[in-house]
Amino acid sequence: MRGKVKRRLVRLVHPDRALAPGDALAVSGDPARTPVGEVTSTTEGGSIARVEAPSYEPGTELVVLGSGIAQGAAMTERDAARVRVAALLG
């Protein structure tokens, strides 16, 4: 019997903001801003994040809550940077 994959590494597209490892991610439109992932590494060409199912599907729009969940809780979604899941890795 095979289980379902709970989290996957994804490549993020984020044209308007530099991300930092540890930045928490939530699904855009989630009023509770529940974290569904975290940025694991960044380069000039993009970022990699570990994201929970089903939020890791390509095309999913996420918002960056900032470094750590406590900081993100103070931000409104309108102020948060938006990123998009570009592709699954591995």
Protein backbone atom coordinates (compact mmCIF):
# COMPACT_ATOMS: atom_id res chain seq x y z
CA MET A 1 0.00 0.00 0.00
CA ARG A 2 1.31 3.40 -0.93
CA GLY A 3 0.69 6.64 0.97
CA LYS A 4 0.12 10.08 -0.41
CA VAL A 5 2.89 12.67 -0.59
CA LYS A 6 2.27 15.25 2.13
CA ARG A 7 4.87 17.89 1.09
CA ARG A 8 6.89 18.54 -2.06
CA LEU A 9 9.71 20.82 -3.12
CA VAL A 10 8.57 23.40 -5.66
CA ARG A 11 10.13 26.18 -7.71
CA LEU A 12 8.56 29.58 -7.08
CA VAL A 13 8.18 32.52 -9.46
CA HIS A 14 8.39 35.87 -7.68
CA PRO A 15 9.14 38.79 -9.98
CA ASP A 16 8.59 41.62 -7.51
CA ARG A 17 10.28 40.55 -4.28
CA ALA A 18 13.39 38.81 -3.06
CA LEU A 19 12.51 35.93 -0.75
CA ALA A 20 14.58 34.66 2.15
CA PRO A 21 14.99 31.14 3.53
CA GLY A 22 12.50 30.68 6.33
CA ASP A 23 9.80 32.90 4.82
CA ALA A 24 6.41 31.35 5.57
CA LEU A 25 3.91 30.84 2.72
CA ALA A 26 0.10 30.74 2.76
CA VAL A 27 -2.48 30.18 0.02
CA SER A 28 -3.72 33.45 -1.45
CA GLY A 29 -7.29 34.08 -0.38
CA ASP A 30 -7.05 32.12 2.88
CA PRO A 31 -8.48 34.52 5.49
CA ALA A 32 -6.74 32.62 8.32
CA ARG A 33 -3.37 32.87 6.50
CA THR A 34 -2.54 29.33 7.59
CA PRO A 35 1.08 28.54 6.66
CA VAL A 36 1.30 25.78 4.03
CA GLY A 37 5.02 25.97 3.33
CA GLU A 38 8.37 27.58 3.83
CA VAL A 39 11.08 28.91 1.52
CA THR A 40 14.12 26.62 1.80
CA SER A 41 16.60 28.35 -0.52
CA THR A 42 16.90 31.26 -2.92
CA THR A 43 19.03 32.27 -5.88
CA GLU A 44 18.89 35.13 -8.37
CA GLY A 45 16.85 32.90 -10.68
CA GLY A 46 14.15 31.96 -8.20
CA SER A 47 13.39 30.18 -4.96
CA ILE A 48 12.68 26.68 -3.75
CA ALA A 49 10.08 25.96 -1.08
CA ARG A 50 8.67 22.96 0.74
CA VAL A 51 4.87 23.16 0.35
CA GLU A 52 2.03 20.98 1.64
CA ALA A 53 -0.52 19.22 -0.58
CA PRO A 54 -2.61 20.32 -2.45
CA SER A 55 -0.99 23.78 -2.44
CA TYR A 56 2.06 22.50 -4.34
CA GLU A 57 0.23 22.19 -7.67
CA PRO A 58 1.76 24.34 -10.45
CA GLY A 59 -0.11 27.62 -10.86
CA THR A 60 -1.13 27.91 -7.20
CA GLU A 61 -0.81 31.49 -5.96
CA LEU A 62 0.77 31.86 -2.53
CA VAL A 63 1.44 34.89 -0.34
CA VAL A 64 4.67 35.41 1.58
CA LEU A 65 3.98 35.95 5.25
CA GLY A 66 7.54 36.90 6.07
CA SER A 67 10.26 35.36 8.14
CA GLY A 68 8.49 33.26 10.74
CA ILE A 69 4.80 32.90 11.39
CA ALA A 70 4.62 35.55 14.14
CA GLN A 71 5.83 38.31 11.80
CA GLY A 72 3.46 37.15 9.08
CA ALA A 73 0.47 37.29 11.38
CA ALA A 74 0.82 41.07 11.59
CA MET A 75 0.68 41.54 7.80
CA THR A 76 -2.48 41.82 5.76
CA GLU A 77 -2.71 39.76 2.58
CA ARG A 78 -2.89 42.97 0.56
CA ASP A 79 0.56 43.95 1.89
CA ALA A 80 2.09 40.51 1.44
CA ALA A 81 4.08 39.63 -1.68
CA ARG A 82 2.50 37.12 -4.04
CA VAL A 83 4.38 34.21 -5.58
CA ARG A 84 3.27 31.43 -7.90
CA VAL A 85 4.20 27.75 -7.87
CA ALA A 86 6.01 27.23 -11.17
CA ALA A 87 6.94 23.55 -11.07
CA LEU A 88 7.30 20.51 -8.87
CA LEU A 89 10.86 19.35 -8.22
CA GLY A 90 11.76 15.69 -8.05
